[in-house]
Amino acid sequence: MVVNKALARLGGRTAHLRAHQAGRRAAPRRAAMEEISSSGFDDASLPRTSPVTFKVQQNVKFGEEILIVGDEQVLGSWSLSKAQKLEWHEGDVWSAQVDLPVGTEIEYKYAVTSHNDDDAKWMPGQNFSVTVPDIPCEVNDVWGEAKKRAMSNGDATTATEAVDFSEDPLALSFVDNADYSKMTVKEIKSILKAKGLPVSGKKAELVARLVETGPEGAQ
């Protein structure tokens, strides 16, 4: 009996020691998880993204590639060394799918390279721009013509041509059913400014301001 009691006490102490050691090992992990939780770093805090497929048709020399580079980090932040490479398809069509933050207006441009940033040849003309929708979409650009593109969202394809408002910023505002959501922030602000309206706020607020005032502008 004495031996059995001694063994029982020894077993209890061993179990207690093991539980204590396990608790000490788990404590740092719990602390780390609590720190991550308190810092607010979770999936909900990350910006929502949507896939955008960029396509452009262009013939290049053997061994050359086409890159897309822009003002988003995933597009290299205008650094050719970090740009996205497009994949060649039949008919000299190049494409790349990139996940971009929803609602953000992205500026980008294409360049031709032969694996050396120093010999890169930029596409002529102005930068392209697109506002990322909350659904997957495809953008078909025309090389060297930033004002022309066809954009589809899987259900419909719309041919669009950017409008230069530098000479007549009110032109489009008088068109019936003008879709301000497809215009760039810069274009919307030029119309607001021409109407004598405030130009501060997010794109959705700017669009709402135009819709509320109508074609006649501020009173």
Protein backbone atom coordinates (compact mmCIF):
# COMPACT_ATOMS: atom_id res chain seq x y z
CA MET A 1 0.00 0.00 0.00
CA VAL A 2 2.80 2.37 0.88
CA VAL A 3 4.44 1.71 -2.48
CA ASN A 4 1.16 2.27 -4.34
CA LYS A 5 0.57 5.59 -2.56
CA ALA A 6 4.11 6.73 -3.34
CA LEU A 7 3.69 5.81 -6.99
CA ALA A 8 0.33 7.65 -7.11
CA ARG A 9 1.89 10.78 -5.61
CA LEU A 10 4.79 10.56 -8.07
CA GLY A 11 2.39 10.12 -10.97
CA GLY A 12 0.34 13.14 -9.86
CA ARG A 13 3.44 15.30 -9.59
CA THR A 14 4.62 14.16 -13.04
CA ALA A 15 1.24 14.98 -14.59
CA HIS A 16 1.22 18.39 -12.89
CA LEU A 17 4.76 19.11 -14.13
CA ARG A 18 3.82 18.14 -17.69
CA ALA A 19 0.73 20.35 -17.63
CA HIS A 20 2.80 23.25 -16.28
CA GLN A 21 5.41 22.84 -19.02
CA ALA A 22 2.71 22.60 -21.71
CA GLY A 23 1.14 25.79 -20.39
CA ARG A 24 4.49 27.59 -20.55
CA ARG A 25 4.98 26.46 -24.17
CA ALA A 26 1.46 27.54 -25.15
CA ALA A 27 1.70 30.96 -23.52
CA PRO A 28 3.94 32.56 -26.18
CA ARG A 29 1.66 31.22 -28.93
CA ARG A 30 -1.44 32.64 -27.21
CA ALA A 31 0.31 35.97 -26.70
CA ALA A 32 1.30 36.10 -30.37
CA MET A 33 -2.26 35.34 -31.48
CA GLU A 34 -3.66 37.99 -29.13
CA GLU A 35 -1.17 40.53 -30.48
CA ILE A 36 -2.20 39.79 -34.06
CA SER A 37 -5.86 40.03 -33.11
CA SER A 38 -5.41 43.31 -31.23
CA SER A 39 -3.46 44.81 -34.12
CA GLY A 40 -6.49 44.37 -36.36
CA PHE A 41 -4.56 42.35 -38.92
CA ASP A 42 -7.15 40.04 -40.38
CA ASP A 43 -8.71 39.28 -43.72
CA ALA A 44 -11.51 41.78 -43.14
CA SER A 45 -9.01 44.65 -42.92
CA LEU A 46 -7.40 43.84 -46.25
CA PRO A 47 -8.62 45.73 -49.35
CA ARG A 48 -11.08 43.78 -51.49
CA THR A 49 -9.65 42.89 -54.89
CA SER A 50 -11.08 41.79 -58.21
CA PRO A 51 -9.30 40.09 -61.15
CA VAL A 52 -8.73 42.28 -64.20
CA THR A 53 -7.49 40.70 -67.43
CA PHE A 54 -5.49 43.08 -69.60
CA LYS A 55 -5.18 42.33 -73.33
CA VAL A 56 -3.37 44.16 -76.08
CA GLN A 57 -2.42 43.17 -79.62
CA GLN A 58 1.09 44.03 -80.74
CA ASN A 59 3.72 42.40 -82.94
CA VAL A 60 7.24 42.34 -81.47
CA LYS A 61 10.57 40.89 -82.52
CA PHE A 62 11.55 37.36 -81.62
CA GLY A 63 12.77 37.22 -78.02
CA GLU A 64 10.97 40.37 -76.97
CA GLU A 65 8.17 40.50 -74.41
CA ILE A 66 5.47 42.95 -73.41
CA LEU A 67 5.16 44.22 -69.85
CA ILE A 68 2.42 46.11 -68.07
CA VAL A 69 3.48 48.58 -65.43
CA GLY A 70 1.45 51.05 -63.39
CA ASP A 71 0.90 52.96 -60.19
CA GLU A 72 -0.22 49.96 -58.11
CA GLN A 73 2.36 47.84 -56.25
CA VAL A 74 1.21 44.69 -58.04
CA LEU A 75 1.96 46.51 -61.32
CA GLY A 76 5.45 47.45 -60.20
CA SER A 77 4.74 51.02 -59.00
CA TRP A 78 6.13 52.24 -62.36
CA SER A 79 9.28 50.15 -61.96
CA LEU A 80 9.95 48.00 -65.03
CA SER A 81 11.99 45.55 -62.98
CA LYS A 82 8.82 44.73 -60.99
CA ALA A 83 6.33 44.93 -63.85
CA GLN A 84 3.92 42.14 -64.81
CA LYS A 85 4.83 40.08 -67.89
CA LEU A 86 2.11 39.41 -70.42
CA GLU A 87 1.65 36.01 -72.01
CA TRP A 88 1.66 35.68 -75.81
CA HIS A 89 -1.34 34.16 -77.61
CA GLU A 90 -2.15 33.36 -81.24
CA GLY A 91 -2.63 36.51 -83.29
CA ASP A 92 0.01 38.49 -81.38
CA VAL A 93 -2.40 39.04 -78.50
CA TRP A 94 -0.74 39.51 -75.12
CA SER A 95 -2.59 39.15 -71.84
CA ALA A 96 -2.16 39.10 -68.07
CA GLN A 97 -4.61 38.73 -65.19
CA VAL A 98 -3.97 40.90 -62.16
CA ASP A 99 -5.88 41.19 -58.87
CA LEU A 100 -6.47 44.87 -58.18
CA PRO A 101 -8.24 46.76 -55.34
CA VAL A 102 -11.92 47.33 -56.08
CA GLY A 103 -12.97 50.93 -56.72
CA THR A 104 -9.44 52.15 -57.33
CA GLU A 105 -8.55 54.11 -60.44
CA ILE A 106 -5.39 52.54 -61.89
CA GLU A 107 -3.00 54.20 -64.33
CA TYR A 108 -0.82 51.90 -66.41
CA LYS A 109 1.15 51.54 -69.60
CA TYR A 110 2.76 48.84 -71.73
CA ALA A 111 6.41 48.43 -72.66
CA VAL A 112 8.42 46.10 -74.89
CA THR A 113 11.56 44.54 -73.45
CA SER A 114 14.14 41.89 -74.36
CA HIS A 115 14.89 40.92 -70.73
CA ASN A 116 16.85 44.09 -70.06
CA ASP A 117 15.21 47.12 -68.42
CA ASP A 118 17.73 49.43 -70.07
CA ASP A 119 16.51 48.57 -73.57
CA ALA A 120 12.78 48.80 -72.78
CA LYS A 121 10.67 50.64 -75.33
CA TRP A 122 7.64 52.34 -73.86
CA MET A 123 4.35 52.33 -75.71
CA PRO A 124 3.85 55.76 -77.30
CA GLY A 125 1.04 58.06 -76.21
CA GLN A 126 -0.70 58.68 -72.91
CA ASN A 127 -1.15 56.32 -69.99
CA PHE A 128 -4.18 54.04 -69.84
CA SER A 129 -6.51 54.20 -66.85
CA VAL A 130 -9.26 51.96 -65.50
CA THR A 131 -11.44 51.99 -62.42
CA VAL A 132 -11.56 48.46 -61.01
CA PRO A 133 -15.15 47.11 -60.76
CA ASP A 134 -16.31 44.71 -58.06
CA ILE A 135 -16.63 41.85 -60.57
CA PRO A 136 -14.03 40.15 -62.82
CA CYS A 137 -13.54 42.09 -66.04
CA GLU A 138 -11.46 42.08 -69.21
CA VAL A 139 -9.87 45.17 -70.75
CA ASN A 140 -8.89 45.08 -74.42
CA ASP A 141 -6.51 47.96 -75.13
CA VAL A 142 -5.33 49.36 -78.46
CA TRP A 143 -1.57 49.84 -78.61
CA GLY A 144 -0.63 53.51 -78.54
CA GLU A 145 -4.25 54.70 -78.29
CA ALA A 146 -5.10 55.22 -74.65
CA LYS A 147 -8.50 56.68 -75.53
CA LYS A 148 -9.79 53.47 -77.10
CA ARG A 149 -10.67 50.17 -75.47
CA ALA A 150 -13.30 47.47 -75.19
CA MET A 151 -14.19 46.41 -71.66
CA SER A 152 -16.28 43.36 -70.74
CA ASN A 153 -17.50 41.91 -67.43
CA GLY A 154 -18.55 38.48 -68.66
CA ASP A 155 -22.13 39.52 -69.42
CA ALA A 156 -21.60 42.31 -71.93
CA THR A 157 -18.89 44.03 -73.91
CA THR A 158 -18.81 47.80 -74.25
CA ALA A 159 -16.62 49.76 -76.62
CA THR A 160 -15.58 53.01 -75.00
CA GLU A 161 -13.58 56.04 -75.97
CA ALA A 162 -12.24 58.39 -73.37
CA VAL A 163 -13.33 62.00 -73.75
CA ASP A 164 -10.96 64.94 -73.50
CA PHE A 165 -12.72 67.60 -71.42
CA SER A 166 -9.91 70.14 -71.58
CA GLU A 167 -11.74 72.18 -74.25
CA ASP A 168 -15.38 71.52 -73.31
CA PRO A 169 -15.71 69.81 -69.91
CA LEU A 170 -19.51 70.19 -69.96
CA ALA A 171 -19.98 68.35 -73.24
CA LEU A 172 -20.75 64.91 -71.83
CA SER A 173 -22.86 66.23 -68.97
CA PHE A 174 -25.56 67.22 -71.44
CA VAL A 175 -25.72 63.78 -73.07
CA ASP A 176 -28.83 61.83 -72.05
CA ASN A 177 -28.11 59.04 -69.56
CA ALA A 178 -24.41 59.95 -69.30
CA ASP A 179 -22.69 57.21 -67.31
CA TYR A 180 -20.41 59.16 -65.00
CA SER A 181 -19.27 55.93 -63.30
CA LYS A 182 -17.26 55.03 -66.42
CA MET A 183 -15.43 58.35 -66.41
CA THR A 184 -12.18 58.97 -64.60
CA VAL A 185 -12.06 61.05 -61.42
CA LYS A 186 -10.12 63.72 -63.29
CA GLU A 187 -12.84 63.98 -65.93
CA ILE A 188 -15.62 64.14 -63.31
CA LYS A 189 -13.81 66.86 -61.38
CA SER A 190 -13.36 68.90 -64.58
CA ILE A 191 -17.14 68.86 -65.11
CA LEU A 192 -17.82 69.77 -61.48
CA LYS A 193 -15.33 72.61 -61.67
CA ALA A 194 -16.91 73.92 -64.87
CA LYS A 195 -20.31 73.86 -63.14
CA GLY A 196 -18.95 75.71 -60.13
CA LEU A 197 -19.46 72.74 -57.82
CA PRO A 198 -17.13 71.37 -55.11
CA VAL A 199 -14.55 68.87 -56.35
CA SER A 200 -13.67 67.22 -53.05
CA GLY A 201 -14.67 63.70 -52.05
CA LYS A 202 -14.50 60.16 -53.32
CA LYS A 203 -15.58 59.17 -56.82
CA ALA A 204 -18.99 57.93 -55.66
CA GLU A 205 -19.63 61.29 -53.96
CA LEU A 206 -18.55 63.21 -57.06
CA VAL A 207 -20.88 61.15 -59.27
CA ALA A 208 -23.78 61.65 -56.84
CA ARG A 209 -23.13 65.40 -56.88
CA LEU A 210 -23.38 65.50 -60.69
CA VAL A 211 -26.52 63.38 -60.73
CA GLU A 212 -28.21 65.57 -58.11
CA THR A 213 -27.49 68.84 -59.93
CA GLY A 214 -28.46 67.52 -63.37
CA PRO A 215 -27.33 69.05 -66.68
CA GLU A 216 -28.20 72.60 -65.60
CA GLY A 217 -25.48 72.65 -62.95
CA ALA A 218 -25.42 74.67 -59.73
CA GLN A 219 -28.14 77.20 -59.10
